[in-house]
């Protein structure tokens, strides 16, 4: 599943989902996502699942680099992962401050309180890595390579095109919330989050989160 130690407890059934709303709030720490079962389909090496959500979204303002006006994302396409025009849902935060996760394992979600894909700052999209039934939408996230491209179709009819910069894996108890959700760049960026690493059958969670970093072309 996808889960981030900070505010990303959404995919993978516990902490990697990120809800995207227009509200502005700091990224709160989030617990790791919970796996759908004690015996999930083992993900390929380097492919984790859920992610946590941030307490404070990045500022939505254009600082020089190319950006786009705010518009809700409605679909995601990642050719390298075999994802074509997959619909997106809005995600927020759970009562405990962790990232909300999609209820459909075959669908990713956008952290609505943060920037929209194309706006200045880091937009966040989270999804599950697997379920009791098998691989979920972000099962292959850990396989993405720098230079891979992806696109987000927006409600206003425009498309935001991104290129992957790097893919990292972090222990959920050491999730870099500030780096993932914080306003640390001078451009429009995108974070894709899911769960990864070993599956802890005792807690029903994956121990890590996988994060792909990309920027607007």
N, C-alpha and C. Protein backbone atom coordinates (compact mmCIF):
# COMPACT_ATOMS: atom_id res chain seq x y z
N UNK A 1 0.83 -1.18 0.00
CA UNK A 1 0.00 0.00 0.00
C UNK A 1 0.87 1.23 0.00
N UNK A 2 0.22 2.41 0.03
CA UNK A 2 1.01 3.62 0.02
C UNK A 2 0.90 4.29 1.36
N UNK A 3 2.01 4.61 2.01
CA UNK A 3 1.91 5.29 3.27
C UNK A 3 3.13 6.09 3.53
N UNK A 4 2.99 7.32 3.97
CA UNK A 4 4.15 8.15 4.23
C UNK A 4 4.18 8.41 5.70
N UNK A 5 5.35 8.47 6.28
CA UNK A 5 5.46 8.63 7.71
C UNK A 5 4.88 9.91 8.20
N UNK A 6 4.75 10.90 7.34
CA UNK A 6 4.30 12.18 7.84
C UNK A 6 2.83 12.40 7.68
N UNK A 7 2.36 12.71 6.56
CA UNK A 7 0.94 12.90 6.42
C UNK A 7 0.43 12.00 5.35
N UNK A 8 1.19 10.97 5.04
CA UNK A 8 0.82 10.14 3.93
C UNK A 8 0.45 8.76 4.39
N UNK A 9 -0.72 8.53 4.81
CA UNK A 9 -1.07 7.20 5.19
C UNK A 9 -2.17 6.77 4.30
N UNK A 10 -1.90 6.59 3.07
CA UNK A 10 -2.96 6.36 2.13
C UNK A 10 -2.98 5.04 1.47
N UNK A 11 -2.02 4.78 0.65
CA UNK A 11 -2.13 3.55 -0.13
C UNK A 11 -1.51 2.39 0.58
N UNK A 12 -1.84 1.22 0.13
CA UNK A 12 -1.33 0.06 0.77
C UNK A 12 -2.22 -0.20 1.97
N UNK A 13 -3.30 0.55 2.13
CA UNK A 13 -4.27 0.34 3.16
C UNK A 13 -3.97 1.06 4.42
N UNK A 14 -2.96 1.96 4.45
CA UNK A 14 -2.77 2.62 5.71
C UNK A 14 -2.35 4.05 5.66
N UNK A 15 -1.27 4.46 5.01
CA UNK A 15 -0.87 5.85 5.12
C UNK A 15 -0.31 6.51 3.91
N UNK A 16 -0.65 6.18 2.73
CA UNK A 16 -0.05 6.88 1.60
C UNK A 16 -1.00 7.70 0.81
N UNK A 17 -2.22 7.80 1.24
CA UNK A 17 -3.15 8.55 0.46
C UNK A 17 -3.03 10.00 0.78
N UNK A 18 -3.22 10.80 -0.23
CA UNK A 18 -3.12 12.23 0.04
C UNK A 18 -4.36 12.90 -0.50
N UNK A 19 -5.09 13.63 0.30
CA UNK A 19 -6.28 14.26 -0.18
C UNK A 19 -5.94 15.63 -0.67
N UNK A 20 -6.57 16.04 -1.80
CA UNK A 20 -6.24 17.34 -2.35
C UNK A 20 -7.45 18.22 -2.29
N UNK A 21 -7.39 19.24 -1.56
CA UNK A 21 -8.45 20.20 -1.45
C UNK A 21 -7.82 21.53 -1.61
N UNK A 22 -8.57 22.59 -1.58
CA UNK A 22 -7.94 23.88 -1.75
C UNK A 22 -7.55 24.47 -0.42
N UNK A 23 -7.89 23.80 0.65
CA UNK A 23 -7.54 24.33 1.95
C UNK A 23 -6.04 24.37 2.12
N UNK A 24 -5.55 25.24 2.98
CA UNK A 24 -4.11 25.34 3.18
C UNK A 24 -3.78 24.94 4.61
N UNK A 25 -3.08 23.85 4.78
CA UNK A 25 -2.74 23.41 6.12
C UNK A 25 -1.41 22.71 6.07
N UNK A 26 -0.67 22.76 7.15
CA UNK A 26 0.66 22.16 7.14
C UNK A 26 0.57 20.67 7.13
N UNK A 27 1.55 19.96 6.56
CA UNK A 27 1.53 18.50 6.48
C UNK A 27 1.77 17.85 7.82
N UNK A 28 0.78 17.13 8.37
CA UNK A 28 0.95 16.47 9.66
C UNK A 28 1.56 15.10 9.48
N UNK A 29 2.25 14.61 10.51
CA UNK A 29 2.86 13.29 10.37
C UNK A 29 1.79 12.24 10.21
N UNK A 30 2.06 11.23 9.42
CA UNK A 30 1.05 10.21 9.23
C UNK A 30 1.59 8.83 9.44
N UNK A 31 0.74 7.92 9.97
CA UNK A 31 1.19 6.55 10.21
C UNK A 31 1.25 5.79 8.91
N UNK A 32 1.99 4.70 8.86
CA UNK A 32 2.13 3.93 7.61
C UNK A 32 0.83 3.29 7.21
N UNK A 33 0.68 3.02 5.94
CA UNK A 33 -0.55 2.41 5.46
C UNK A 33 -0.65 0.96 5.89
N UNK A 34 -1.87 0.51 6.00
CA UNK A 34 -2.06 -0.87 6.40
C UNK A 34 -2.28 -1.74 5.17
N UNK A 35 -1.71 -2.90 5.18
CA UNK A 35 -1.85 -3.78 4.03
C UNK A 35 -3.22 -4.42 4.07
N UNK A 36 -3.76 -4.78 2.91
CA UNK A 36 -5.08 -5.37 2.81
C UNK A 36 -5.18 -6.74 3.43
N UNK A 37 -4.10 -7.44 3.57
CA UNK A 37 -4.16 -8.76 4.18
C UNK A 37 -2.78 -9.15 4.64
N UNK A 38 -2.72 -10.21 5.45
CA UNK A 38 -1.43 -10.65 5.96
C UNK A 38 -0.62 -11.36 4.91
N UNK A 39 -1.27 -11.72 3.83
CA UNK A 39 -0.52 -12.41 2.77
C UNK A 39 -0.75 -11.76 1.43
N UNK A 40 -0.31 -10.49 1.29
CA UNK A 40 -0.51 -9.77 0.03
C UNK A 40 0.41 -10.29 -1.05
N UNK A 41 0.07 -9.92 -2.29
CA UNK A 41 0.94 -10.32 -3.39
C UNK A 41 2.25 -9.58 -3.24
N UNK A 42 3.38 -10.29 -3.11
CA UNK A 42 4.66 -9.60 -2.91
C UNK A 42 5.00 -8.69 -4.06
N UNK A 43 5.25 -7.40 -3.79
CA UNK A 43 5.57 -6.46 -4.86
C UNK A 43 6.98 -6.66 -5.38
N UNK A 44 7.26 -6.21 -6.59
CA UNK A 44 8.60 -6.37 -7.14
C UNK A 44 9.57 -5.58 -6.28
N UNK A 45 10.83 -5.97 -6.21
CA UNK A 45 11.77 -5.27 -5.36
C UNK A 45 11.78 -3.78 -5.65
N UNK A 46 11.71 -2.95 -4.72
CA UNK A 46 11.71 -1.49 -4.90
C UNK A 46 10.36 -0.93 -5.18
N UNK A 47 9.30 -1.76 -5.13
CA UNK A 47 7.97 -1.21 -5.36
C UNK A 47 7.15 -1.24 -4.08
N UNK A 48 7.08 -0.13 -3.32
CA UNK A 48 6.30 -0.06 -2.09
C UNK A 48 4.86 0.36 -2.36
N UNK A 49 4.09 0.66 -1.31
CA UNK A 49 2.72 1.07 -1.57
C UNK A 49 2.22 2.32 -0.92
N UNK A 50 1.59 2.45 0.16
CA UNK A 50 0.93 3.69 0.58
C UNK A 50 1.79 4.84 1.07
N UNK A 51 1.23 6.05 1.06
CA UNK A 51 2.00 7.22 1.47
C UNK A 51 1.25 8.14 2.42
N UNK A 52 1.94 8.88 3.31
CA UNK A 52 1.30 9.79 4.26
C UNK A 52 1.03 11.17 3.68
N UNK A 53 0.26 11.98 4.34
CA UNK A 53 -0.06 13.30 3.82
C UNK A 53 0.58 14.41 4.62
N UNK A 54 0.89 15.53 3.99
CA UNK A 54 1.56 16.63 4.69
C UNK A 54 0.61 17.51 5.44
N UNK A 55 1.06 18.16 6.46
CA UNK A 55 0.23 19.05 7.26
C UNK A 55 0.05 20.38 6.57
N UNK A 56 1.04 20.82 5.89
CA UNK A 56 0.96 22.13 5.25
C UNK A 56 1.31 22.05 3.78
N UNK A 57 0.36 22.38 2.91
CA UNK A 57 0.61 22.34 1.48
C UNK A 57 1.51 23.48 1.05
N UNK A 58 2.18 23.28 -0.04
CA UNK A 58 3.07 24.33 -0.54
C UNK A 58 2.28 25.52 -1.04
N UNK A 59 2.91 26.68 -1.04
CA UNK A 59 2.25 27.89 -1.50
C UNK A 59 1.90 27.77 -2.97
N UNK A 60 0.69 28.19 -3.33
CA UNK A 60 0.26 28.08 -4.73
C UNK A 60 0.53 29.38 -5.45
N UNK A 61 1.77 29.67 -5.72
CA UNK A 61 2.10 30.89 -6.45
C UNK A 61 3.23 30.62 -7.42
N UNK A 62 3.21 31.37 -8.50
CA UNK A 62 4.22 31.18 -9.53
C UNK A 62 5.47 31.99 -9.19
N UNK A 63 6.60 31.34 -9.06
CA UNK A 63 7.83 32.05 -8.74
C UNK A 63 8.77 32.10 -9.93
N UNK A 64 8.52 32.12 -11.06
CA UNK A 64 9.46 32.21 -12.19
C UNK A 64 9.37 31.04 -13.13
N UNK A 65 9.48 29.83 -12.60
CA UNK A 65 9.45 28.68 -13.51
C UNK A 65 8.04 28.52 -14.08
N UNK A 66 7.93 27.69 -15.10
CA UNK A 66 6.64 27.47 -15.75
C UNK A 66 5.66 26.84 -14.76
N UNK A 67 4.46 27.40 -14.69
CA UNK A 67 3.40 26.83 -13.84
C UNK A 67 2.08 26.98 -14.58
N UNK A 68 1.03 26.38 -14.02
CA UNK A 68 -0.30 26.45 -14.61
C UNK A 68 -1.28 26.91 -13.53
N UNK A 69 -2.41 27.52 -13.93
CA UNK A 69 -3.40 27.93 -12.92
C UNK A 69 -4.02 26.69 -12.28
N UNK A 70 -4.58 26.85 -11.11
CA UNK A 70 -5.16 25.71 -10.39
C UNK A 70 -6.34 25.12 -11.14
N UNK A 71 -6.36 23.81 -11.26
CA UNK A 71 -7.47 23.10 -11.87
C UNK A 71 -7.42 21.67 -11.34
N UNK A 72 -8.55 21.16 -10.94
CA UNK A 72 -8.61 19.81 -10.35
C UNK A 72 -8.14 18.75 -11.35
N UNK A 73 -7.25 17.83 -10.93
CA UNK A 73 -6.80 16.75 -11.80
C UNK A 73 -7.87 15.67 -11.90
N UNK A 74 -8.12 15.17 -13.10
CA UNK A 74 -9.17 14.17 -13.26
C UNK A 74 -8.67 12.82 -13.78
N UNK A 75 -7.47 12.79 -14.38
CA UNK A 75 -6.98 11.51 -14.89
C UNK A 75 -5.45 11.49 -14.92
N UNK A 76 -4.89 10.29 -14.79
CA UNK A 76 -3.44 10.11 -14.75
C UNK A 76 -3.01 9.09 -15.80
N UNK A 77 -1.93 9.42 -16.53
CA UNK A 77 -1.39 8.50 -17.53
C UNK A 77 0.11 8.34 -17.29
N UNK A 78 0.55 7.09 -17.09
CA UNK A 78 1.97 6.79 -16.90
C UNK A 78 2.31 5.63 -17.82
N UNK A 79 2.74 5.90 -19.05
CA UNK A 79 3.01 4.84 -20.03
C UNK A 79 3.93 3.74 -19.51
N UNK A 80 4.99 4.11 -18.78
CA UNK A 80 5.95 3.12 -18.31
C UNK A 80 5.34 2.14 -17.30
N UNK A 81 4.22 2.51 -16.71
CA UNK A 81 3.55 1.65 -15.73
C UNK A 81 2.27 1.03 -16.29
N UNK A 82 2.00 1.30 -17.57
CA UNK A 82 0.80 0.75 -18.18
C UNK A 82 -0.48 1.41 -17.70
N UNK A 83 -0.37 2.61 -17.15
CA UNK A 83 -1.54 3.34 -16.66
C UNK A 83 -1.97 4.35 -17.71
N UNK A 84 -3.19 4.23 -18.20
CA UNK A 84 -3.68 5.12 -19.25
C UNK A 84 -5.01 5.74 -18.83
N UNK A 85 -5.01 7.06 -18.69
CA UNK A 85 -6.23 7.80 -18.34
C UNK A 85 -6.98 7.21 -17.16
N UNK A 86 -6.26 6.87 -16.11
CA UNK A 86 -6.91 6.37 -14.90
C UNK A 86 -7.53 7.55 -14.15
N UNK A 87 -8.78 7.42 -13.76
CA UNK A 87 -9.44 8.52 -13.07
C UNK A 87 -8.82 8.73 -11.68
N UNK A 88 -8.95 9.95 -11.16
CA UNK A 88 -8.40 10.31 -9.86
C UNK A 88 -9.51 10.77 -8.92
N UNK A 89 -9.34 10.50 -7.64
CA UNK A 89 -10.30 10.96 -6.64
C UNK A 89 -9.59 11.99 -5.76
N UNK A 90 -10.36 12.84 -5.09
CA UNK A 90 -9.79 13.82 -4.17
C UNK A 90 -9.54 13.15 -2.82
N UNK A 91 -8.39 13.44 -2.23
CA UNK A 91 -8.06 12.88 -0.93
C UNK A 91 -7.81 14.01 0.07
N UNK A 92 -8.10 13.72 1.32
CA UNK A 92 -7.84 14.69 2.38
C UNK A 92 -7.02 14.03 3.46
N UNK A 93 -7.29 14.39 4.71
CA UNK A 93 -6.57 13.78 5.83
C UNK A 93 -7.55 13.11 6.77
N UNK A 94 -7.08 12.03 7.38
CA UNK A 94 -7.90 11.32 8.35
C UNK A 94 -7.93 12.13 9.64
N UNK A 95 -8.77 11.71 10.59
CA UNK A 95 -8.89 12.43 11.86
C UNK A 95 -7.56 12.49 12.61
N UNK A 96 -6.71 11.48 12.40
CA UNK A 96 -5.42 11.47 13.10
C UNK A 96 -4.34 12.24 12.35
N UNK A 97 -4.73 12.90 11.25
CA UNK A 97 -3.79 13.70 10.50
C UNK A 97 -3.07 12.96 9.40
N UNK A 98 -3.31 11.67 9.27
CA UNK A 98 -2.65 10.91 8.22
C UNK A 98 -3.38 11.09 6.88
N UNK A 99 -2.69 10.78 5.83
CA UNK A 99 -3.26 10.93 4.50
C UNK A 99 -4.37 9.94 4.25
N UNK A 100 -5.46 10.41 3.73
CA UNK A 100 -6.58 9.55 3.38
C UNK A 100 -6.15 8.69 2.19
N UNK A 101 -6.73 7.47 2.10
CA UNK A 101 -6.35 6.63 0.96
C UNK A 101 -7.56 6.32 0.10
N UNK A 102 -7.33 6.04 -1.19
CA UNK A 102 -8.45 5.71 -2.08
C UNK A 102 -9.13 4.42 -1.62
N UNK A 103 -10.42 4.33 -1.76
CA UNK A 103 -11.14 3.11 -1.39
C UNK A 103 -11.02 2.06 -2.49
N UNK A 104 -10.73 2.51 -3.70
CA UNK A 104 -10.58 1.62 -4.85
C UNK A 104 -9.09 1.39 -5.09
N UNK A 105 -8.65 0.14 -4.99
CA UNK A 105 -7.23 -0.17 -5.15
C UNK A 105 -6.73 0.05 -6.58
N UNK A 106 -7.65 0.17 -7.51
CA UNK A 106 -7.26 0.40 -8.89
C UNK A 106 -7.30 1.87 -9.27
N UNK A 107 -7.45 2.74 -8.28
CA UNK A 107 -7.57 4.17 -8.54
C UNK A 107 -6.65 4.96 -7.60
N UNK A 108 -5.99 5.97 -8.13
CA UNK A 108 -5.12 6.82 -7.32
C UNK A 108 -5.91 8.05 -6.88
N UNK A 109 -5.33 8.81 -5.95
CA UNK A 109 -6.02 10.01 -5.47
C UNK A 109 -5.08 11.18 -5.30
N UNK A 110 -5.63 12.38 -5.44
CA UNK A 110 -4.86 13.63 -5.35
C UNK A 110 -5.10 14.29 -3.99
N UNK A 111 -4.03 14.74 -3.34
CA UNK A 111 -4.14 15.42 -2.05
C UNK A 111 -4.66 16.82 -2.32
N UNK A 112 -5.97 16.99 -2.23
CA UNK A 112 -6.63 18.24 -2.58
C UNK A 112 -6.25 19.47 -1.79
N UNK A 113 -5.86 19.36 -0.52
CA UNK A 113 -5.47 20.58 0.22
C UNK A 113 -4.17 21.18 -0.29
N UNK A 114 -3.43 20.44 -1.09
CA UNK A 114 -2.16 20.93 -1.61
C UNK A 114 -2.31 21.46 -3.02
N UNK A 115 -1.19 21.80 -3.67
CA UNK A 115 -1.23 22.32 -5.04
C UNK A 115 -1.84 21.29 -5.99
N UNK A 116 -2.43 21.79 -7.06
CA UNK A 116 -2.94 20.90 -8.11
C UNK A 116 -1.77 20.64 -9.06
N UNK A 117 -1.71 19.48 -9.71
CA UNK A 117 -0.64 19.22 -10.67
C UNK A 117 -0.56 20.33 -11.71
N UNK A 118 0.61 20.96 -11.82
CA UNK A 118 0.78 22.07 -12.75
C UNK A 118 0.96 23.39 -12.03
N UNK A 119 0.43 23.48 -10.78
CA UNK A 119 0.61 24.69 -9.99
C UNK A 119 2.02 24.72 -9.41
N UNK A 120 2.41 25.89 -8.90
CA UNK A 120 3.70 26.01 -8.23
C UNK A 120 3.71 25.13 -6.99
N UNK A 121 4.83 24.47 -6.72
CA UNK A 121 4.96 23.63 -5.54
C UNK A 121 4.72 22.17 -5.84
N UNK A 122 4.80 21.32 -4.82
CA UNK A 122 4.65 19.87 -5.02
C UNK A 122 3.22 19.37 -4.87
N UNK A 123 2.64 18.91 -5.97
CA UNK A 123 1.33 18.28 -5.93
C UNK A 123 1.57 16.82 -5.55
N UNK A 124 0.61 16.21 -4.85
CA UNK A 124 0.80 14.83 -4.39
C UNK A 124 -0.33 13.93 -4.87
N UNK A 125 0.06 12.79 -5.43
CA UNK A 125 -0.90 11.77 -5.86
C UNK A 125 -0.47 10.46 -5.22
N UNK A 126 -1.39 9.80 -4.53
CA UNK A 126 -1.05 8.56 -3.83
C UNK A 126 -1.95 7.41 -4.30
N UNK A 127 -1.43 6.21 -4.15
CA UNK A 127 -2.19 5.03 -4.55
C UNK A 127 -1.67 3.79 -3.86
N UNK A 128 -2.48 2.74 -3.85
CA UNK A 128 -2.09 1.48 -3.21
C UNK A 128 -1.08 0.72 -4.07
N UNK A 129 -0.29 -0.10 -3.39
CA UNK A 129 0.68 -0.93 -4.10
C UNK A 129 0.06 -2.29 -4.42
N UNK A 130 -0.79 -2.79 -3.52
CA UNK A 130 -1.47 -4.06 -3.79
C UNK A 130 -2.68 -4.21 -2.87
N UNK A 131 -3.35 -5.34 -2.98
CA UNK A 131 -4.51 -5.64 -2.15
C UNK A 131 -4.56 -7.16 -1.99
N UNK A 132 -5.57 -7.65 -1.30
CA UNK A 132 -5.69 -9.10 -1.13
C UNK A 132 -5.90 -9.78 -2.48
N UNK A 133 -6.41 -9.02 -3.44
CA UNK A 133 -6.68 -9.59 -4.76
C UNK A 133 -5.46 -9.59 -5.68
N UNK A 134 -4.41 -8.84 -5.30
CA UNK A 134 -3.22 -8.78 -6.15
C UNK A 134 -2.71 -7.35 -6.32
N UNK A 135 -1.90 -7.09 -7.36
CA UNK A 135 -1.31 -5.77 -7.58
C UNK A 135 -2.37 -4.68 -7.69
N UNK A 136 -2.03 -3.49 -7.14
CA UNK A 136 -2.92 -2.33 -7.23
C UNK A 136 -2.31 -1.32 -8.20
N UNK A 137 -2.92 -0.15 -8.32
CA UNK A 137 -2.53 0.81 -9.36
C UNK A 137 -1.06 1.23 -9.33
N UNK A 138 -0.45 1.39 -8.14
CA UNK A 138 0.95 1.82 -8.07
C UNK A 138 1.91 0.68 -7.77
N UNK A 139 1.54 -0.53 -8.14
CA UNK A 139 2.38 -1.71 -7.90
C UNK A 139 3.76 -1.56 -8.53
N UNK A 140 3.83 -0.89 -9.67
CA UNK A 140 5.11 -0.77 -10.38
C UNK A 140 5.79 0.60 -10.20
N UNK A 141 5.33 1.35 -9.23
CA UNK A 141 5.90 2.70 -9.04
C UNK A 141 7.41 2.65 -8.81
N UNK A 142 7.88 1.67 -8.07
CA UNK A 142 9.30 1.58 -7.78
C UNK A 142 10.16 1.27 -9.00
N UNK A 143 9.52 0.91 -10.12
CA UNK A 143 10.27 0.59 -11.34
C UNK A 143 10.50 1.81 -12.23
N UNK A 144 9.84 2.91 -11.91
CA UNK A 144 10.00 4.12 -12.74
C UNK A 144 11.46 4.57 -12.76
N UNK A 145 11.92 5.02 -13.91
CA UNK A 145 13.28 5.48 -14.06
C UNK A 145 13.32 6.98 -14.35
N UNK A 146 14.39 7.66 -13.95
CA UNK A 146 14.51 9.09 -14.28
C UNK A 146 14.39 9.27 -15.79
N UNK A 147 13.64 10.28 -16.20
CA UNK A 147 13.43 10.52 -17.62
C UNK A 147 12.10 10.00 -18.12
N UNK A 148 11.45 9.13 -17.33
CA UNK A 148 10.13 8.63 -17.72
C UNK A 148 9.14 9.78 -17.67
N UNK A 149 8.17 9.79 -18.57
CA UNK A 149 7.19 10.87 -18.59
C UNK A 149 5.82 10.39 -18.14
N UNK A 150 5.02 11.33 -17.66
CA UNK A 150 3.66 11.02 -17.25
C UNK A 150 2.83 12.27 -17.45
N UNK A 151 1.55 12.13 -17.50
CA UNK A 151 0.69 13.30 -17.71
C UNK A 151 -0.55 13.25 -16.82
N UNK A 152 -1.03 14.43 -16.48
CA UNK A 152 -2.22 14.57 -15.66
C UNK A 152 -3.22 15.43 -16.43
N UNK A 153 -4.38 14.85 -16.71
CA UNK A 153 -5.44 15.60 -17.40
C UNK A 153 -6.20 16.39 -16.34
N UNK A 154 -6.46 17.67 -16.61
CA UNK A 154 -7.08 18.55 -15.64
C UNK A 154 -8.51 18.91 -16.04
N UNK A 155 -9.30 19.32 -15.06
CA UNK A 155 -10.71 19.61 -15.27
C UNK A 155 -10.94 20.72 -16.29
N UNK A 156 -9.98 21.63 -16.43
CA UNK A 156 -10.16 22.73 -17.37
C UNK A 156 -9.82 22.33 -18.81
N UNK A 157 -9.53 21.04 -19.02
CA UNK A 157 -9.25 20.55 -20.37
C UNK A 157 -7.77 20.55 -20.72
N UNK A 158 -6.93 21.12 -19.86
CA UNK A 158 -5.49 21.16 -20.12
C UNK A 158 -4.83 19.87 -19.62
N UNK A 159 -3.58 19.65 -20.05
CA UNK A 159 -2.82 18.49 -19.62
C UNK A 159 -1.47 18.95 -19.08
N UNK A 160 -1.13 18.49 -17.89
CA UNK A 160 0.16 18.82 -17.29
C UNK A 160 1.11 17.65 -17.55
N UNK A 161 2.21 17.92 -18.25
CA UNK A 161 3.19 16.88 -18.60
C UNK A 161 4.38 16.96 -17.64
N UNK A 162 4.75 15.81 -17.08
CA UNK A 162 5.86 15.77 -16.12
C UNK A 162 6.92 14.77 -16.55
N UNK A 163 8.15 14.97 -16.04
CA UNK A 163 9.24 14.02 -16.26
C UNK A 163 9.78 13.62 -14.89
N UNK A 164 10.05 12.32 -14.73
CA UNK A 164 10.53 11.80 -13.45
C UNK A 164 11.99 12.19 -13.21
N UNK A 165 12.29 12.70 -12.01
CA UNK A 165 13.65 13.08 -11.63
C UNK A 165 14.34 11.95 -10.86
N UNK A 166 13.58 11.31 -9.97
CA UNK A 166 14.16 10.24 -9.16
C UNK A 166 13.04 9.49 -8.44
N UNK A 167 13.36 8.30 -7.94
CA UNK A 167 12.43 7.50 -7.15
C UNK A 167 13.17 7.08 -5.89
N UNK A 168 12.59 7.36 -4.74
CA UNK A 168 13.24 7.04 -3.46
C UNK A 168 12.33 6.18 -2.59
N UNK A 169 12.95 5.45 -1.66
CA UNK A 169 12.18 4.67 -0.70
C UNK A 169 12.62 5.06 0.70
N UNK A 170 11.63 5.28 1.59
CA UNK A 170 11.94 5.73 2.94
C UNK A 170 11.20 4.88 3.99
N UNK A 171 11.84 4.65 5.14
CA UNK A 171 11.14 3.96 6.24
C UNK A 171 9.97 4.85 6.65
N UNK A 172 8.84 4.27 6.93
CA UNK A 172 7.69 5.09 7.30
C UNK A 172 7.93 5.90 8.56
N UNK A 173 8.79 5.38 9.45
CA UNK A 173 9.04 6.13 10.68
C UNK A 173 10.08 7.23 10.48
N UNK A 174 10.54 7.40 9.24
CA UNK A 174 11.50 8.47 8.95
C UNK A 174 11.12 9.14 7.63
N UNK A 175 9.82 9.25 7.40
CA UNK A 175 9.33 9.84 6.15
C UNK A 175 9.68 11.33 6.09
N UNK A 176 10.29 11.77 4.97
CA UNK A 176 10.72 13.18 4.84
C UNK A 176 9.56 14.09 4.45
N UNK A 177 8.67 14.36 5.37
CA UNK A 177 7.48 15.15 5.08
C UNK A 177 7.80 16.50 4.44
N UNK A 178 8.76 17.20 5.00
CA UNK A 178 9.09 18.53 4.48
C UNK A 178 9.54 18.46 3.03
N UNK A 179 10.35 17.46 2.68
CA UNK A 179 10.85 17.34 1.32
C UNK A 179 9.75 16.94 0.34
N UNK A 180 8.81 16.13 0.81
CA UNK A 180 7.74 15.65 -0.07
C UNK A 180 6.62 16.67 -0.22
N UNK A 181 6.19 17.26 0.90
CA UNK A 181 5.08 18.20 0.85
C UNK A 181 5.48 19.67 0.91
N UNK A 182 6.68 19.93 1.33
CA UNK A 182 7.07 21.32 1.55
C UNK A 182 7.36 22.11 0.29
N UNK A 183 7.26 23.43 0.43
CA UNK A 183 7.54 24.35 -0.67
C UNK A 183 9.05 24.53 -0.75
N UNK A 184 9.72 23.53 -1.32
CA UNK A 184 11.19 23.53 -1.34
C UNK A 184 11.78 23.80 -2.72
N UNK A 185 10.95 24.05 -3.71
CA UNK A 185 11.45 24.26 -5.06
C UNK A 185 10.94 25.57 -5.65
N UNK A 186 11.47 25.92 -6.80
CA UNK A 186 11.04 27.13 -7.50
C UNK A 186 10.30 26.75 -8.77
N UNK A 187 9.57 25.67 -8.72
CA UNK A 187 8.86 25.21 -9.92
C UNK A 187 7.68 24.34 -9.55
N UNK A 188 6.97 23.88 -10.57
CA UNK A 188 5.83 22.99 -10.38
C UNK A 188 6.34 21.56 -10.36
N UNK A 189 6.02 20.83 -9.31
CA UNK A 189 6.48 19.45 -9.20
C UNK A 189 5.34 18.50 -8.84
N UNK A 190 5.64 17.21 -8.91
CA UNK A 190 4.63 16.19 -8.61
C UNK A 190 5.30 15.08 -7.81
N UNK A 191 4.60 14.58 -6.79
CA UNK A 191 5.07 13.44 -6.01
C UNK A 191 4.04 12.31 -6.17
N UNK A 192 4.52 11.12 -6.47
CA UNK A 192 3.66 9.95 -6.54
C UNK A 192 4.07 9.06 -5.37
N UNK A 193 3.10 8.65 -4.56
CA UNK A 193 3.45 7.90 -3.34
C UNK A 193 2.69 6.58 -3.22
N UNK A 194 3.38 5.58 -2.67
CA UNK A 194 2.75 4.30 -2.39
C UNK A 194 3.52 3.62 -1.28
N UNK A 195 3.14 2.40 -0.93
CA UNK A 195 3.84 1.66 0.12
C UNK A 195 4.91 0.78 -0.52
N UNK A 196 5.87 0.35 0.29
CA UNK A 196 6.91 -0.52 -0.25
C UNK A 196 7.73 -1.18 0.84
N UNK A 197 8.78 -1.85 0.43
CA UNK A 197 9.63 -2.53 1.39
C UNK A 197 9.02 -3.83 1.86
N UNK A 198 9.42 -4.28 3.04
CA UNK A 198 8.92 -5.53 3.61
C UNK A 198 7.50 -5.34 4.15
N UNK A 199 6.74 -6.44 4.12
CA UNK A 199 5.38 -6.40 4.68
C UNK A 199 5.42 -6.98 6.08
N UNK A 200 4.96 -6.21 7.06
CA UNK A 200 4.94 -6.65 8.45
C UNK A 200 3.58 -7.28 8.73
N UNK A 201 3.53 -8.61 8.78
CA UNK A 201 2.26 -9.29 8.99
C UNK A 201 1.70 -9.02 10.39
N UNK A 202 2.58 -8.63 11.32
CA UNK A 202 2.12 -8.34 12.66
C UNK A 202 1.28 -7.08 12.73
N UNK A 203 1.67 -6.06 11.97
CA UNK A 203 0.93 -4.79 11.97
C UNK A 203 -0.01 -4.67 10.79
N UNK A 204 0.23 -5.50 9.76
CA UNK A 204 -0.61 -5.41 8.57
C UNK A 204 -0.22 -4.24 7.70
N UNK A 205 1.04 -3.77 7.83
CA UNK A 205 1.52 -2.62 7.07
C UNK A 205 2.85 -2.93 6.40
N UNK A 206 3.13 -2.20 5.32
CA UNK A 206 4.47 -2.25 4.73
C UNK A 206 5.32 -1.31 5.57
N UNK A 207 6.61 -1.59 5.64
CA UNK A 207 7.46 -0.77 6.52
C UNK A 207 7.99 0.50 5.85
N UNK A 208 7.90 0.59 4.52
CA UNK A 208 8.44 1.76 3.81
C UNK A 208 7.39 2.43 2.93
N UNK A 209 7.79 3.56 2.38
CA UNK A 209 6.99 4.29 1.40
C UNK A 209 7.90 4.53 0.20
N UNK A 210 7.33 4.47 -0.98
CA UNK A 210 8.08 4.76 -2.20
C UNK A 210 7.55 6.08 -2.75
N UNK A 211 8.47 6.97 -3.11
CA UNK A 211 8.08 8.29 -3.61
C UNK A 211 8.80 8.57 -4.93
N UNK A 212 8.03 8.88 -5.97
CA UNK A 212 8.60 9.28 -7.25
C UNK A 212 8.50 10.80 -7.35
N UNK A 213 9.61 11.45 -7.67
CA UNK A 213 9.65 12.91 -7.79
C UNK A 213 9.69 13.27 -9.27
N UNK A 214 8.85 14.22 -9.68
CA UNK A 214 8.82 14.64 -11.09
C UNK A 214 8.60 16.15 -11.16
N UNK A 215 8.94 16.76 -12.30
CA UNK A 215 8.70 18.20 -12.46
C UNK A 215 8.00 18.47 -13.79
N UNK A 216 7.31 19.60 -13.83
CA UNK A 216 6.53 19.99 -15.00
C UNK A 216 7.43 20.33 -16.19
N UNK A 217 7.09 19.80 -17.35
CA UNK A 217 7.86 20.08 -18.55
C UNK A 217 7.42 21.41 -19.17
